[in-house]
């Protein structure tokens, strides 16, 4: 089954989570990773930041996406990396 059919057919995913999952897949590098800011994702998808955060939470909770914090050399957090899980 293709990635897209798997996402479309997943009855546990909300419409917002499906849209975000497909967005992350489209924007991912060869390892399935992307690190777009919440604001950028919200603007690109014409969604509110809150809706994007809820969709990310859904994807993480259902095991579709792994959220990994990224840090600067001084220890401060810079962003999150989102890795699609198979």
PDB file of N, CA and C in Angstrom:
ATOM      1  N   UNK A   1       0.838  -1.175   0.000  1.00  0.00           N
ATOM      2  CA  UNK A   1       0.000   0.000   0.000  1.00  0.00           C
ATOM      3  C   UNK A   1       0.883   1.238   0.000  1.00  0.00           C
ATOM      4  N   UNK A   2       0.506   2.245  -0.780  1.00  0.00           N
ATOM      5  CA  UNK A   2       1.308   3.464  -0.859  1.00  0.00           C
ATOM      6  C   UNK A   2       1.133   4.304   0.395  1.00  0.00           C
ATOM      7  N   UNK A   3       2.069   5.181   0.613  1.00  0.00           N
ATOM      8  CA  UNK A   3       2.004   6.088   1.760  1.00  0.00           C
ATOM      9  C   UNK A   3       0.689   6.865   1.737  1.00  0.00           C
ATOM     10  N   UNK A   4       0.329   7.387   0.574  1.00  0.00           N
ATOM     11  CA  UNK A   4      -0.873   8.210   0.459  1.00  0.00           C
ATOM     12  C   UNK A   4      -2.134   7.409   0.748  1.00  0.00           C
ATOM     13  N   UNK A   5      -2.242   6.223   0.193  1.00  0.00           N
ATOM     14  CA  UNK A   5      -3.417   5.386   0.470  1.00  0.00           C
ATOM     15  C   UNK A   5      -3.497   5.028   1.945  1.00  0.00           C
ATOM     16  N   UNK A   6      -2.350   4.806   2.556  1.00  0.00           N
ATOM     17  CA  UNK A   6      -2.306   4.482   3.978  1.00  0.00           C
ATOM     18  C   UNK A   6      -2.828   5.652   4.816  1.00  0.00           C
ATOM     19  N   UNK A   7      -2.416   6.858   4.470  1.00  0.00           N
ATOM     20  CA  UNK A   7      -2.866   8.047   5.204  1.00  0.00           C
ATOM     21  C   UNK A   7      -4.352   8.293   4.945  1.00  0.00           C
ATOM     22  N   UNK A   8      -4.758   8.272   3.675  1.00  0.00           N
ATOM     23  CA  UNK A   8      -6.164   8.527   3.343  1.00  0.00           C
ATOM     24  C   UNK A   8      -7.090   7.520   4.018  1.00  0.00           C
ATOM     25  N   UNK A   9      -6.657   6.281   4.121  1.00  0.00           N
ATOM     26  CA  UNK A   9      -7.504   5.234   4.667  1.00  0.00           C
ATOM     27  C   UNK A   9      -7.486   5.093   6.170  1.00  0.00           C
ATOM     28  N   UNK A  10      -6.633   5.853   6.852  1.00  0.00           N
ATOM     29  CA  UNK A  10      -6.516   5.751   8.304  1.00  0.00           C
ATOM     30  C   UNK A  10      -7.692   6.459   8.968  1.00  0.00           C
ATOM     31  N   UNK A  11      -8.608   5.702   9.505  1.00  0.00           N
ATOM     32  CA  UNK A  11      -9.822   6.252  10.112  1.00  0.00           C
ATOM     33  C   UNK A  11      -9.560   6.973  11.436  1.00  0.00           C
ATOM     34  N   UNK A  12      -8.388   6.751  12.032  1.00  0.00           N
ATOM     35  CA  UNK A  12      -8.050   7.422  13.294  1.00  0.00           C
ATOM     36  C   UNK A  12      -7.573   8.853  13.075  1.00  0.00           C
ATOM     37  N   UNK A  13      -7.139   9.178  11.867  1.00  0.00           N
ATOM     38  CA  UNK A  13      -6.617  10.513  11.598  1.00  0.00           C
ATOM     39  C   UNK A  13      -7.741  11.483  11.255  1.00  0.00           C
ATOM     40  N   UNK A  14      -7.676  12.654  11.856  1.00  0.00           N
ATOM     41  CA  UNK A  14      -8.610  13.720  11.504  1.00  0.00           C
ATOM     42  C   UNK A  14      -8.188  14.311  10.159  1.00  0.00           C
ATOM     43  N   UNK A  15      -9.064  15.100   9.575  1.00  0.00           N
ATOM     44  CA  UNK A  15      -8.747  15.745   8.299  1.00  0.00           C
ATOM     45  C   UNK A  15      -7.519  16.640   8.444  1.00  0.00           C
ATOM     46  N   UNK A  16      -7.433  17.373   9.568  1.00  0.00           N
ATOM     47  CA  UNK A  16      -6.280  18.251   9.769  1.00  0.00           C
ATOM     48  C   UNK A  16      -4.990  17.455   9.896  1.00  0.00           C
ATOM     49  N   UNK A  17      -5.050  16.296  10.563  1.00  0.00           N
ATOM     50  CA  UNK A  17      -3.857  15.464  10.725  1.00  0.00           C
ATOM     51  C   UNK A  17      -3.435  14.857   9.383  1.00  0.00           C
ATOM     52  N   UNK A  18      -4.404  14.455   8.579  1.00  0.00           N
ATOM     53  CA  UNK A  18      -4.073  13.922   7.244  1.00  0.00           C
ATOM     54  C   UNK A  18      -3.392  14.992   6.401  1.00  0.00           C
ATOM     55  N   UNK A  19      -3.953  16.212   6.426  1.00  0.00           N
ATOM     56  CA  UNK A  19      -3.369  17.304   5.649  1.00  0.00           C
ATOM     57  C   UNK A  19      -1.933  17.577   6.096  1.00  0.00           C
ATOM     58  N   UNK A  20      -1.711  17.617   7.392  1.00  0.00           N
ATOM     59  CA  UNK A  20      -0.374  17.891   7.913  1.00  0.00           C
ATOM     60  C   UNK A  20       0.581  16.747   7.608  1.00  0.00           C
ATOM     61  N   UNK A  21       0.129  15.526   7.717  1.00  0.00           N
ATOM     62  CA  UNK A  21       0.971  14.370   7.416  1.00  0.00           C
ATOM     63  C   UNK A  21       1.435  14.411   5.963  1.00  0.00           C
ATOM     64  N   UNK A  22       0.527  14.726   5.062  1.00  0.00           N
ATOM     65  CA  UNK A  22       0.882  14.822   3.641  1.00  0.00           C
ATOM     66  C   UNK A  22       1.825  15.996   3.395  1.00  0.00           C
ATOM     67  N   UNK A  23       1.616  17.098   4.096  1.00  0.00           N
ATOM     68  CA  UNK A  23       2.506  18.257   3.994  1.00  0.00           C
ATOM     69  C   UNK A  23       3.923  17.883   4.437  1.00  0.00           C
ATOM     70  N   UNK A  24       4.025  17.246   5.603  1.00  0.00           N
ATOM     71  CA  UNK A  24       5.349  16.854   6.101  1.00  0.00           C
ATOM     72  C   UNK A  24       6.018  15.867   5.162  1.00  0.00           C
ATOM     73  N   UNK A  25       5.255  14.962   4.592  1.00  0.00           N
ATOM     74  CA  UNK A  25       5.801  14.001   3.622  1.00  0.00           C
ATOM     75  C   UNK A  25       6.339  14.737   2.402  1.00  0.00           C
ATOM     76  N   UNK A  26       5.601  15.711   1.923  1.00  0.00           N
ATOM     77  CA  UNK A  26       5.993  16.481   0.747  1.00  0.00           C
ATOM     78  C   UNK A  26       7.244  17.310   1.007  1.00  0.00           C
ATOM     79  N   UNK A  27       7.385  17.808   2.222  1.00  0.00           N
ATOM     80  CA  UNK A  27       8.499  18.703   2.564  1.00  0.00           C
ATOM     81  C   UNK A  27       9.697  17.975   3.197  1.00  0.00           C
ATOM     82  N   UNK A  28       9.614  16.672   3.346  1.00  0.00           N
ATOM     83  CA  UNK A  28      10.663  15.913   4.048  1.00  0.00           C
ATOM     84  C   UNK A  28      11.894  15.701   3.175  1.00  0.00           C
ATOM     85  N   UNK A  29      13.028  15.538   3.849  1.00  0.00           N
ATOM     86  CA  UNK A  29      14.255  15.175   3.147  1.00  0.00           C
ATOM     87  C   UNK A  29      14.262  13.663   2.894  1.00  0.00           C
ATOM     88  N   UNK A  30      15.353  13.124   2.432  1.00  0.00           N
ATOM     89  CA  UNK A  30      15.455  11.702   2.103  1.00  0.00           C
ATOM     90  C   UNK A  30      15.268  10.764   3.282  1.00  0.00           C
ATOM     91  N   UNK A  31      15.452  11.270   4.492  1.00  0.00           N
ATOM     92  CA  UNK A  31      15.279  10.456   5.695  1.00  0.00           C
ATOM     93  C   UNK A  31      13.892  10.633   6.308  1.00  0.00           C
ATOM     94  N   UNK A  32      13.005  11.341   5.624  1.00  0.00           N
ATOM     95  CA  UNK A  32      11.656  11.554   6.144  1.00  0.00           C
ATOM     96  C   UNK A  32      11.587  12.612   7.221  1.00  0.00           C
ATOM     97  N   UNK A  33      12.545  13.543   7.225  1.00  0.00           N
ATOM     98  CA  UNK A  33      12.618  14.566   8.261  1.00  0.00           C
ATOM     99  C   UNK A  33      12.317  15.952   7.689  1.00  0.00           C
ATOM    100  N   UNK A  34      11.624  16.757   8.469  1.00  0.00           N
ATOM    101  CA  UNK A  34      11.416  18.165   8.123  1.00  0.00           C
ATOM    102  C   UNK A  34      11.459  18.971   9.409  1.00  0.00           C
ATOM    103  N   UNK A  35      11.703  20.254   9.296  1.00  0.00           N
ATOM    104  CA  UNK A  35      11.855  21.082  10.491  1.00  0.00           C
ATOM    105  C   UNK A  35      11.231  22.458  10.272  1.00  0.00           C
ATOM    106  N   UNK A  36      10.132  22.489   9.561  1.00  0.00           N
ATOM    107  CA  UNK A  36       9.439  23.749   9.326  1.00  0.00           C
ATOM    108  C   UNK A  36       8.829  24.272  10.620  1.00  0.00           C
ATOM    109  N   UNK A  37       8.819  25.579  10.755  1.00  0.00           N
ATOM    110  CA  UNK A  37       8.233  26.221  11.932  1.00  0.00           C
ATOM    111  C   UNK A  37       6.714  26.107  11.879  1.00  0.00           C
ATOM    112  N   UNK A  38       6.093  26.085  13.049  1.00  0.00           N
ATOM    113  CA  UNK A  38       4.634  26.010  13.145  1.00  0.00           C
ATOM    114  C   UNK A  38       3.992  27.142  12.331  1.00  0.00           C
ATOM    115  N   UNK A  39       4.536  28.341  12.441  1.00  0.00           N
ATOM    116  CA  UNK A  39       3.995  29.480  11.702  1.00  0.00           C
ATOM    117  C   UNK A  39       4.058  29.296  10.202  1.00  0.00           C
ATOM    118  N   UNK A  40       5.152  28.737   9.716  1.00  0.00           N
ATOM    119  CA  UNK A  40       5.310  28.481   8.287  1.00  0.00           C
ATOM    120  C   UNK A  40       4.305  27.443   7.815  1.00  0.00           C
ATOM    121  N   UNK A  41       4.173  26.377   8.583  1.00  0.00           N
ATOM    122  CA  UNK A  41       3.216  25.321   8.225  1.00  0.00           C
ATOM    123  C   UNK A  41       1.806  25.901   8.216  1.00  0.00           C
ATOM    124  N   UNK A  42       1.466  26.666   9.238  1.00  0.00           N
ATOM    125  CA  UNK A  42       0.130  27.258   9.336  1.00  0.00           C
ATOM    126  C   UNK A  42      -0.151  28.155   8.134  1.00  0.00           C
ATOM    127  N   UNK A  43       0.816  28.964   7.775  1.00  0.00           N
ATOM    128  CA  UNK A  43       0.635  29.863   6.633  1.00  0.00           C
ATOM    129  C   UNK A  43       0.492  29.071   5.336  1.00  0.00           C
ATOM    130  N   UNK A  44       1.345  28.082   5.124  1.00  0.00           N
ATOM    131  CA  UNK A  44       1.304  27.284   3.898  1.00  0.00           C
ATOM    132  C   UNK A  44      -0.014  26.530   3.746  1.00  0.00           C
ATOM    133  N   UNK A  45      -0.572  26.064   4.861  1.00  0.00           N
ATOM    134  CA  UNK A  45      -1.804  25.265   4.815  1.00  0.00           C
ATOM    135  C   UNK A  45      -3.068  26.084   5.082  1.00  0.00           C
ATOM    136  N   UNK A  46      -2.908  27.382   5.312  1.00  0.00           N
ATOM    137  CA  UNK A  46      -4.033  28.268   5.624  1.00  0.00           C
ATOM    138  C   UNK A  46      -4.814  27.749   6.841  1.00  0.00           C
ATOM    139  N   UNK A  47      -4.056  27.355   7.874  1.00  0.00           N
ATOM    140  CA  UNK A  47      -4.618  26.895   9.133  1.00  0.00           C
ATOM    141  C   UNK A  47      -4.095  27.788  10.248  1.00  0.00           C
ATOM    142  N   UNK A  48      -4.758  27.770  11.377  1.00  0.00           N
ATOM    143  CA  UNK A  48      -4.238  28.514  12.525  1.00  0.00           C
ATOM    144  C   UNK A  48      -3.083  27.740  13.143  1.00  0.00           C
ATOM    145  N   UNK A  49      -2.256  28.441  13.891  1.00  0.00           N
ATOM    146  CA  UNK A  49      -1.143  27.794  14.592  1.00  0.00           C
ATOM    147  C   UNK A  49      -1.679  26.742  15.556  1.00  0.00           C
ATOM    148  N   UNK A  50      -2.786  27.042  16.225  1.00  0.00           N
ATOM    149  CA  UNK A  50      -3.384  26.090  17.171  1.00  0.00           C
ATOM    150  C   UNK A  50      -3.817  24.810  16.466  1.00  0.00           C
ATOM    151  N   UNK A  51      -4.392  24.946  15.288  1.00  0.00           N
ATOM    152  CA  UNK A  51      -4.830  23.767  14.535  1.00  0.00           C
ATOM    153  C   UNK A  51      -3.631  22.919  14.127  1.00  0.00           C
ATOM    154  N   UNK A  52      -2.554  23.564  13.710  1.00  0.00           N
ATOM    155  CA  UNK A  52      -1.337  22.825  13.348  1.00  0.00           C
ATOM    156  C   UNK A  52      -0.786  22.093  14.572  1.00  0.00           C
ATOM    157  N   UNK A  53      -0.772  22.758  15.725  1.00  0.00           N
ATOM    158  CA  UNK A  53      -0.281  22.123  16.948  1.00  0.00           C
ATOM    159  C   UNK A  53      -1.143  20.921  17.332  1.00  0.00           C
ATOM    160  N   UNK A  54      -2.461  21.046  17.210  1.00  0.00           N
ATOM    161  CA  UNK A  54      -3.344  19.913  17.510  1.00  0.00           C
ATOM    162  C   UNK A  54      -3.097  18.765  16.538  1.00  0.00           C
ATOM    163  N   UNK A  55      -2.933  19.086  15.261  1.00  0.00           N
ATOM    164  CA  UNK A  55      -2.681  18.048  14.252  1.00  0.00           C
ATOM    165  C   UNK A  55      -1.352  17.343  14.527  1.00  0.00           C
ATOM    166  N   UNK A  56      -0.331  18.111  14.893  1.00  0.00           N
ATOM    167  CA  UNK A  56       0.957  17.493  15.242  1.00  0.00           C
ATOM    168  C   UNK A  56       0.807  16.582  16.449  1.00  0.00           C
ATOM    169  N   UNK A  57       0.065  17.043  17.437  1.00  0.00           N
ATOM    170  CA  UNK A  57      -0.188  16.207  18.612  1.00  0.00           C
ATOM    171  C   UNK A  57      -0.880  14.905  18.241  1.00  0.00           C
ATOM    172  N   UNK A  58      -1.859  14.989  17.333  1.00  0.00           N
ATOM    173  CA  UNK A  58      -2.551  13.783  16.861  1.00  0.00           C
ATOM    174  C   UNK A  58      -1.574  12.827  16.199  1.00  0.00           C
ATOM    175  N   UNK A  59      -0.728  13.372  15.317  1.00  0.00           N
ATOM    176  CA  UNK A  59       0.215  12.525  14.577  1.00  0.00           C
ATOM    177  C   UNK A  59       1.245  11.882  15.500  1.00  0.00           C
ATOM    178  N   UNK A  60       1.701  12.631  16.491  1.00  0.00           N
ATOM    179  CA  UNK A  60       2.665  12.083  17.460  1.00  0.00           C
ATOM    180  C   UNK A  60       1.990  11.004  18.302  1.00  0.00           C
ATOM    181  N   UNK A  61       0.799  11.293  18.797  1.00  0.00           N
ATOM    182  CA  UNK A  61       0.070  10.340  19.652  1.00  0.00           C
ATOM    183  C   UNK A  61      -0.219   9.027  18.916  1.00  0.00           C
ATOM    184  N   UNK A  62      -0.517   9.115  17.632  1.00  0.00           N
ATOM    185  CA  UNK A  62      -0.832   7.921  16.845  1.00  0.00           C
ATOM    186  C   UNK A  62       0.410   7.247  16.260  1.00  0.00           C
ATOM    187  N   UNK A  63       1.580   7.794  16.541  1.00  0.00           N
ATOM    188  CA  UNK A  63       2.824   7.164  16.097  1.00  0.00           C
ATOM    189  C   UNK A  63       3.177   7.405  14.644  1.00  0.00           C
ATOM    190  N   UNK A  64       2.554   8.357  14.016  1.00  0.00           N
ATOM    191  CA  UNK A  64       2.850   8.676  12.607  1.00  0.00           C
ATOM    192  C   UNK A  64       4.072   9.576  12.471  1.00  0.00           C
ATOM    193  N   UNK A  65       4.297  10.412  13.487  1.00  0.00           N
ATOM    194  CA  UNK A  65       5.391  11.385  13.456  1.00  0.00           C
ATOM    195  C   UNK A  65       6.118  11.345  14.786  1.00  0.00           C
ATOM    196  N   UNK A  66       7.418  11.476  14.707  1.00  0.00           N
ATOM    197  CA  UNK A  66       8.256  11.596  15.899  1.00  0.00           C
ATOM    198  C   UNK A  66       8.719  13.048  15.974  1.00  0.00           C
ATOM    199  N   UNK A  67       8.531  13.686  17.123  1.00  0.00           N
ATOM    200  CA  UNK A  67       8.936  15.075  17.317  1.00  0.00           C
ATOM    201  C   UNK A  67      10.219  15.074  18.137  1.00  0.00           C
ATOM    202  N   UNK A  68      11.284  15.636  17.569  1.00  0.00           N
ATOM    203  CA  UNK A  68      12.584  15.672  18.232  1.00  0.00           C
ATOM    204  C   UNK A  68      13.050  17.120  18.385  1.00  0.00           C
ATOM    205  N   UNK A  69      13.325  17.570  19.607  1.00  0.00           N
ATOM    206  CA  UNK A  69      13.812  18.939  19.779  1.00  0.00           C
ATOM    207  C   UNK A  69      15.217  19.096  19.208  1.00  0.00           C
ATOM    208  N   UNK A  70      15.484  20.272  18.675  1.00  0.00           N
ATOM    209  CA  UNK A  70      16.824  20.598  18.171  1.00  0.00           C
ATOM    210  C   UNK A  70      17.374  21.726  19.027  1.00  0.00           C
ATOM    211  N   UNK A  71      18.690  21.699  19.264  1.00  0.00           N
ATOM    212  CA  UNK A  71      19.307  22.651  20.187  1.00  0.00           C
ATOM    213  C   UNK A  71      20.459  23.400  19.539  1.00  0.00           C
ATOM    214  N   UNK A  72      20.660  24.618  20.011  1.00  0.00           N
ATOM    215  CA  UNK A  72      21.818  25.422  19.615  1.00  0.00           C
ATOM    216  C   UNK A  72      23.043  24.925  20.384  1.00  0.00           C
ATOM    217  N   UNK A  73      24.200  25.416  19.986  1.00  0.00           N
ATOM    218  CA  UNK A  73      25.435  25.048  20.680  1.00  0.00           C
ATOM    219  C   UNK A  73      25.417  25.481  22.143  1.00  0.00           C
ATOM    220  N   UNK A  74      24.709  26.580  22.440  1.00  0.00           N
ATOM    221  CA  UNK A  74      24.668  27.068  23.821  1.00  0.00           C
ATOM    222  C   UNK A  74      23.620  26.356  24.670  1.00  0.00           C
ATOM    223  N   UNK A  75      22.918  25.377  24.079  1.00  0.00           N
ATOM    224  CA  UNK A  75      21.950  24.587  24.820  1.00  0.00           C
ATOM    225  C   UNK A  75      20.509  25.023  24.676  1.00  0.00           C
ATOM    226  N   UNK A  76      20.273  26.201  24.100  1.00  0.00           N
ATOM    227  CA  UNK A  76      18.898  26.669  23.910  1.00  0.00           C
ATOM    228  C   UNK A  76      18.212  25.928  22.774  1.00  0.00           C
ATOM    229  N   UNK A  77      16.917  25.702  22.941  1.00  0.00           N
ATOM    230  CA  UNK A  77      16.191  24.990  21.883  1.00  0.00           C
ATOM    231  C   UNK A  77      15.952  25.926  20.712  1.00  0.00           C
ATOM    232  N   UNK A  78      16.198  25.437  19.514  1.00  0.00           N
ATOM    233  CA  UNK A  78      16.025  26.241  18.314  1.00  0.00           C
ATOM    234  C   UNK A  78      14.753  25.888  17.559  1.00  0.00           C
ATOM    235  N   UNK A  79      14.435  24.625  17.454  1.00  0.00           N
ATOM    236  CA  UNK A  79      13.242  24.206  16.715  1.00  0.00           C
ATOM    237  C   UNK A  79      13.001  22.728  16.992  1.00  0.00           C
ATOM    238  N   UNK A  80      11.968  22.207  16.366  1.00  0.00           N
ATOM    239  CA  UNK A  80      11.696  20.769  16.427  1.00  0.00           C
ATOM    240  C   UNK A  80      11.948  20.156  15.059  1.00  0.00           C
ATOM    241  N   UNK A  81      12.376  18.937  15.069  1.00  0.00           N
ATOM    242  CA  UNK A  81      12.511  18.155  13.848  1.00  0.00           C
ATOM    243  C   UNK A  81      11.363  17.151  13.868  1.00  0.00           C
ATOM    244  N   UNK A  82      10.700  17.004  12.740  1.00  0.00           N
ATOM    245  CA  UNK A  82       9.586  16.075  12.639  1.00  0.00           C
ATOM    246  C   UNK A  82       9.997  14.959  11.698  1.00  0.00           C
ATOM    247  N   UNK A  83       9.973  13.739  12.207  1.00  0.00           N
ATOM    248  CA  UNK A  83      10.367  12.571  11.413  1.00  0.00           C
ATOM    249  C   UNK A  83       9.138  11.694  11.193  1.00  0.00           C
ATOM    250  N   UNK A  84       8.837  11.458   9.918  1.00  0.00           N
ATOM    251  CA  UNK A  84       7.723  10.564   9.584  1.00  0.00           C
ATOM    252  C   UNK A  84       8.095   9.142   9.941  1.00  0.00           C
ATOM    253  N   UNK A  85       7.162   8.436  10.529  1.00  0.00           N
ATOM    254  CA  UNK A  85       7.390   7.028  10.901  1.00  0.00           C
ATOM    255  C   UNK A  85       6.599   6.165   9.946  1.00  0.00           C
ATOM    256  N   UNK A  86       7.156   5.063   9.617  1.00  0.00           N
ATOM    257  CA  UNK A  86       6.525   4.136   8.662  1.00  0.00           C
ATOM    258  C   UNK A  86       5.381   3.389   9.287  1.00  0.00           C
TER     259      UNK A  86
END
